[in-house]
Amino acid sequence: MLTIEDYVALAIFALLWTGFNWATDGERMLGRVSLTQLMNRQRRAWMRNTLTRDLKMIDTQIIAGLQAGTAFFASTTIFALGGCFALLGSSDQVQRIFNDLPFVFHGGRVALELKVGGLACIFGYAFFKFGWSYRLFNYCSILLGGVPMMAETARDRDHAERAVDRAARMNILAAKHFNAGLRAIFLSIGYLGWFVSPYVFVALSSLVIFVLVRRQFFSEARAALIESADP
């Protein structure tokens, strides 16, 4: 069965995940704008640029590319979820393998099944996030199709800007759900440490969060987006 150390490690994992979500969804952390928020600004700029061109094939191709990436990760999580169910069906064989490995905490079959079930929940969560993101990108393409042409924009600028704002908000929301699904996949790597011991679970999860924080707030990708006058 699970021990006190297991429950503490699981709680730390949940706190790390929640804290990172809060940090990236907020405007700033440690006085720095996150890479996600900077990209949201670029998404709004992209949608505003649609008002300056009648032919929007470029925009629809970009959205199609975003949908393709989302569909790829959604299908990947389905395969991973199937692998979790396969592990549950072979828990006895898996337990014997773990028993032969050194430096592995042996919690018994029930603990193993609970851990695999938790991993399945993570992949299930990621799948629903990717599936909803795919749907929202589809909605965004429809809203983009409703953006007025340049001649109509010149006659009623306010109406055109409201249409663009709806498309931009839908695009940002789709990206938010995509990022949540991708974050779940990254953190599942840290979760795998739980199969070794709760201490490895915490250490590996902390390492994953460290890497993600660096990419969000201290990476070259962020530096490429931010202007020299910004902090």
Protein backbone atom coordinates (compact mmCIF):
# COMPACT_ATOMS: atom_id res chain seq x y z
CA MET A 1 0.00 0.00 0.00
CA LEU A 2 0.96 3.65 -0.21
CA THR A 3 3.05 5.11 2.61
CA ILE A 4 3.08 8.54 4.25
CA GLU A 5 6.05 9.43 2.04
CA ASP A 6 3.99 8.56 -1.04
CA TYR A 7 1.15 10.84 -0.01
CA VAL A 8 3.54 13.69 0.78
CA ALA A 9 5.28 13.26 -2.58
CA LEU A 10 1.95 13.27 -4.37
CA ALA A 11 0.92 16.45 -2.56
CA ILE A 12 4.20 18.14 -3.52
CA PHE A 13 3.67 17.05 -7.13
CA ALA A 14 0.20 18.61 -7.13
CA LEU A 15 1.52 21.84 -5.58
CA LEU A 16 4.31 22.08 -8.15
CA TRP A 17 1.84 21.58 -10.99
CA THR A 18 -0.66 24.11 -9.59
CA GLY A 19 2.03 26.66 -8.83
CA PHE A 20 3.52 26.45 -12.30
CA ASN A 21 0.06 26.86 -13.86
CA TRP A 22 -0.50 29.95 -11.74
CA ALA A 23 2.89 31.41 -12.65
CA THR A 24 2.54 30.97 -16.41
CA ASP A 25 -1.11 32.05 -16.60
CA GLY A 26 -0.41 35.23 -14.62
CA GLU A 27 0.99 38.42 -16.04
CA ARG A 28 4.36 38.30 -14.28
CA MET A 29 6.55 36.24 -11.98
CA LEU A 30 9.69 37.62 -10.38
CA GLY A 31 9.08 40.77 -12.43
CA ARG A 32 9.29 38.87 -15.71
CA VAL A 33 6.61 38.23 -18.31
CA SER A 34 6.23 34.55 -19.20
CA LEU A 35 6.84 33.16 -22.67
CA THR A 36 3.16 32.14 -22.81
CA GLN A 37 1.97 35.71 -22.19
CA LEU A 38 4.39 37.08 -24.77
CA MET A 39 3.06 34.61 -27.33
CA ASN A 40 -0.50 35.67 -26.47
CA ARG A 41 0.47 39.20 -27.47
CA GLN A 42 1.75 37.86 -30.78
CA ARG A 43 -1.50 35.97 -31.31
CA ARG A 44 -3.45 39.21 -30.86
CA ALA A 45 -1.09 40.98 -33.28
CA TRP A 46 -1.60 38.17 -35.80
CA MET A 47 -5.37 38.49 -35.59
CA ARG A 48 -5.21 42.28 -35.97
CA ASN A 49 -3.13 41.86 -39.12
CA THR A 50 -6.03 40.01 -40.75
CA LEU A 51 -7.78 43.37 -41.08
CA THR A 52 -5.12 44.50 -43.55
CA ARG A 53 -5.63 41.70 -46.07
CA ASP A 54 -8.64 40.33 -47.88
CA LEU A 55 -7.10 36.96 -48.74
CA LYS A 56 -6.76 35.04 -45.51
CA MET A 57 -5.30 31.78 -46.79
CA ILE A 58 -2.15 32.47 -44.78
CA ASP A 59 -4.15 32.64 -41.57
CA THR A 60 -6.12 29.50 -42.28
CA GLN A 61 -2.90 27.62 -43.07
CA ILE A 62 -1.41 28.69 -39.74
CA ILE A 63 -4.49 27.49 -37.87
CA ALA A 64 -4.42 24.21 -39.82
CA GLY A 65 -0.82 23.72 -38.69
CA LEU A 66 -1.79 24.39 -35.08
CA GLN A 67 -4.63 21.89 -35.36
CA ALA A 68 -2.31 19.27 -36.85
CA GLY A 69 0.09 19.57 -33.90
CA THR A 70 -2.80 19.36 -31.45
CA ALA A 71 -4.20 16.26 -33.16
CA PHE A 72 -0.77 14.60 -33.05
CA PHE A 73 -0.47 15.03 -29.29
CA ALA A 74 -4.08 13.94 -28.75
CA SER A 75 -3.44 10.68 -30.58
CA THR A 76 -0.16 10.22 -28.70
CA THR A 77 -1.91 10.47 -25.33
CA ILE A 78 -4.44 7.86 -26.47
CA PHE A 79 -1.58 5.43 -27.14
CA ALA A 80 -0.04 6.25 -23.77
CA LEU A 81 -3.40 5.72 -22.09
CA GLY A 82 -3.68 2.33 -23.77
CA GLY A 83 -0.22 1.47 -22.47
CA CYS A 84 -1.36 2.25 -18.93
CA PHE A 85 -4.30 -0.13 -19.25
CA ALA A 86 -1.95 -2.77 -20.63
CA LEU A 87 0.22 -2.33 -17.52
CA LEU A 88 -2.81 -2.78 -15.29
CA GLY A 89 -3.58 -6.03 -17.08
CA SER A 90 -0.03 -7.27 -16.51
CA SER A 91 0.53 -5.95 -13.01
CA ASP A 92 1.85 -9.28 -11.70
CA GLN A 93 4.57 -9.49 -14.34
CA VAL A 94 5.48 -5.84 -13.89
CA GLN A 95 5.67 -6.27 -10.12
CA ARG A 96 8.07 -9.17 -10.53
CA ILE A 97 10.31 -7.04 -12.74
CA PHE A 98 10.34 -4.22 -10.18
CA ASN A 99 11.14 -6.70 -7.40
CA ASP A 100 14.31 -7.71 -9.27
CA LEU A 101 15.52 -4.13 -9.72
CA PRO A 102 17.89 -2.55 -7.16
CA PHE A 103 17.15 0.75 -5.40
CA VAL A 104 13.42 0.44 -6.09
CA PHE A 105 10.89 0.93 -3.30
CA HIS A 106 8.56 -2.09 -3.29
CA GLY A 107 5.06 -1.06 -2.33
CA GLY A 108 3.22 -4.15 -3.52
CA ARG A 109 0.72 -4.80 -6.25
CA VAL A 110 -1.96 -2.45 -4.92
CA ALA A 111 0.46 0.48 -4.79
CA LEU A 112 1.66 -0.29 -8.32
CA GLU A 113 -1.89 -0.34 -9.66
CA LEU A 114 -2.71 2.93 -7.90
CA LYS A 115 0.36 4.58 -9.42
CA VAL A 116 -0.46 3.30 -12.91
CA GLY A 117 -4.04 4.50 -12.42
CA GLY A 118 -2.73 7.96 -11.53
CA LEU A 119 -0.55 7.97 -14.64
CA ALA A 120 -3.59 7.02 -16.71
CA CYS A 121 -5.49 9.94 -15.19
CA ILE A 122 -2.71 12.33 -16.24
CA PHE A 123 -2.80 11.07 -19.83
CA GLY A 124 -6.60 11.15 -19.81
CA TYR A 125 -6.50 14.76 -18.63
CA ALA A 126 -3.99 15.61 -21.37
CA PHE A 127 -6.16 13.97 -24.02
CA PHE A 128 -9.22 16.00 -23.05
CA LYS A 129 -7.16 19.18 -23.06
CA PHE A 130 -5.77 18.46 -26.53
CA GLY A 131 -9.20 17.43 -27.82
CA TRP A 132 -10.82 20.62 -26.57
CA SER A 133 -7.92 22.69 -27.90
CA TYR A 134 -8.41 21.13 -31.35
CA ARG A 135 -12.08 22.06 -31.21
CA LEU A 136 -11.32 25.63 -30.14
CA PHE A 137 -8.84 26.09 -32.99
CA ASN A 138 -11.67 24.95 -35.26
CA TYR A 139 -13.93 27.59 -33.74
CA CYS A 140 -11.16 30.15 -34.23
CA SER A 141 -10.97 29.36 -37.95
CA ILE A 142 -14.74 29.92 -38.19
CA LEU A 143 -14.46 33.25 -36.37
CA LEU A 144 -11.59 34.19 -38.63
CA GLY A 145 -13.83 33.53 -41.62
CA GLY A 146 -16.26 36.06 -40.14
CA VAL A 147 -13.69 38.86 -40.03
CA PRO A 148 -14.84 41.57 -42.51
CA MET A 149 -13.02 42.34 -45.72
CA MET A 150 -10.96 45.52 -45.98
CA ALA A 151 -13.72 47.52 -47.65
CA GLU A 152 -16.23 46.62 -44.94
CA THR A 153 -13.62 47.27 -42.27
CA ALA A 154 -13.15 50.81 -43.58
CA ARG A 155 -16.91 51.43 -43.29
CA ASP A 156 -17.29 50.00 -39.77
CA ARG A 157 -13.97 49.74 -37.97
CA ASP A 158 -15.50 49.02 -34.57
CA HIS A 159 -17.42 46.00 -35.85
CA ALA A 160 -14.29 44.61 -37.53
CA GLU A 161 -12.18 45.05 -34.40
CA ARG A 162 -14.78 43.27 -32.29
CA ALA A 163 -14.72 40.36 -34.76
CA VAL A 164 -10.93 40.22 -34.58
CA ASP A 165 -11.01 40.39 -30.79
CA ARG A 166 -13.34 37.37 -30.65
CA ALA A 167 -11.05 35.38 -32.92
CA ALA A 168 -7.98 36.38 -30.88
CA ARG A 169 -9.58 35.38 -27.59
CA MET A 170 -10.62 32.03 -29.02
CA ASN A 171 -7.10 31.47 -30.34
CA ILE A 172 -5.54 32.30 -26.98
CA LEU A 173 -8.00 30.02 -25.18
CA ALA A 174 -7.19 27.16 -27.56
CA ALA A 175 -3.48 27.70 -26.91
CA LYS A 176 -4.12 27.71 -23.15
CA HIS A 177 -5.70 24.26 -23.29
CA PHE A 178 -2.96 22.99 -25.61
CA ASN A 179 -0.30 24.21 -23.19
CA ALA A 180 -2.13 22.52 -20.30
CA GLY A 181 -2.10 19.20 -22.14
CA LEU A 182 1.56 19.56 -23.07
CA ARG A 183 2.39 20.45 -19.48
CA ALA A 184 0.69 17.26 -18.31
CA ILE A 185 2.85 15.20 -20.66
CA PHE A 186 6.02 16.89 -19.38
CA LEU A 187 5.03 16.32 -15.75
CA SER A 188 4.21 12.68 -16.46
CA ILE A 189 7.98 12.24 -16.85
CA GLY A 190 8.41 13.38 -13.26
CA TYR A 191 5.54 11.14 -12.20
CA LEU A 192 7.44 8.11 -13.52
CA GLY A 193 9.92 8.60 -10.70
CA TRP A 194 7.21 7.48 -8.28
CA PHE A 195 7.60 3.93 -9.59
CA VAL A 196 11.12 3.98 -8.15
CA SER A 197 10.49 5.79 -4.85
CA PRO A 198 8.63 8.86 -3.54
CA TYR A 199 11.96 10.65 -3.16
CA VAL A 200 12.82 10.14 -6.83
CA PHE A 201 9.26 11.25 -7.62
CA VAL A 202 9.79 14.61 -5.88
CA ALA A 203 13.30 15.09 -7.26
CA LEU A 204 12.36 14.30 -10.86
CA SER A 205 9.17 16.39 -10.73
CA SER A 206 11.15 19.33 -9.32
CA LEU A 207 13.69 18.96 -12.12
CA VAL A 208 10.90 19.02 -14.74
CA ILE A 209 9.39 22.14 -13.17
CA PHE A 210 12.82 23.78 -13.08
CA VAL A 211 13.28 23.15 -16.80
CA LEU A 212 9.78 24.46 -17.59
CA VAL A 213 10.30 27.60 -15.48
CA ARG A 214 13.57 28.27 -17.22
CA ARG A 215 11.92 27.96 -20.62
CA GLN A 216 9.07 30.24 -19.63
CA PHE A 217 11.06 33.02 -17.94
CA PHE A 218 14.77 32.73 -18.80
CA SER A 219 15.01 31.06 -22.22
CA GLU A 220 16.38 32.30 -25.53
CA ALA A 221 12.90 31.86 -26.99
CA ARG A 222 11.56 34.42 -24.53
CA ALA A 223 14.48 36.75 -25.29
CA ALA A 224 13.66 36.52 -29.00
CA LEU A 225 10.13 37.79 -28.35
CA ILE A 226 10.65 40.52 -25.81
CA GLU A 227 11.73 44.00 -26.82
CA SER A 228 14.91 45.44 -25.44
CA ALA A 229 12.96 48.08 -23.50
CA ASP A 230 10.92 45.45 -21.62
CA PRO A 231 12.18 43.79 -18.41
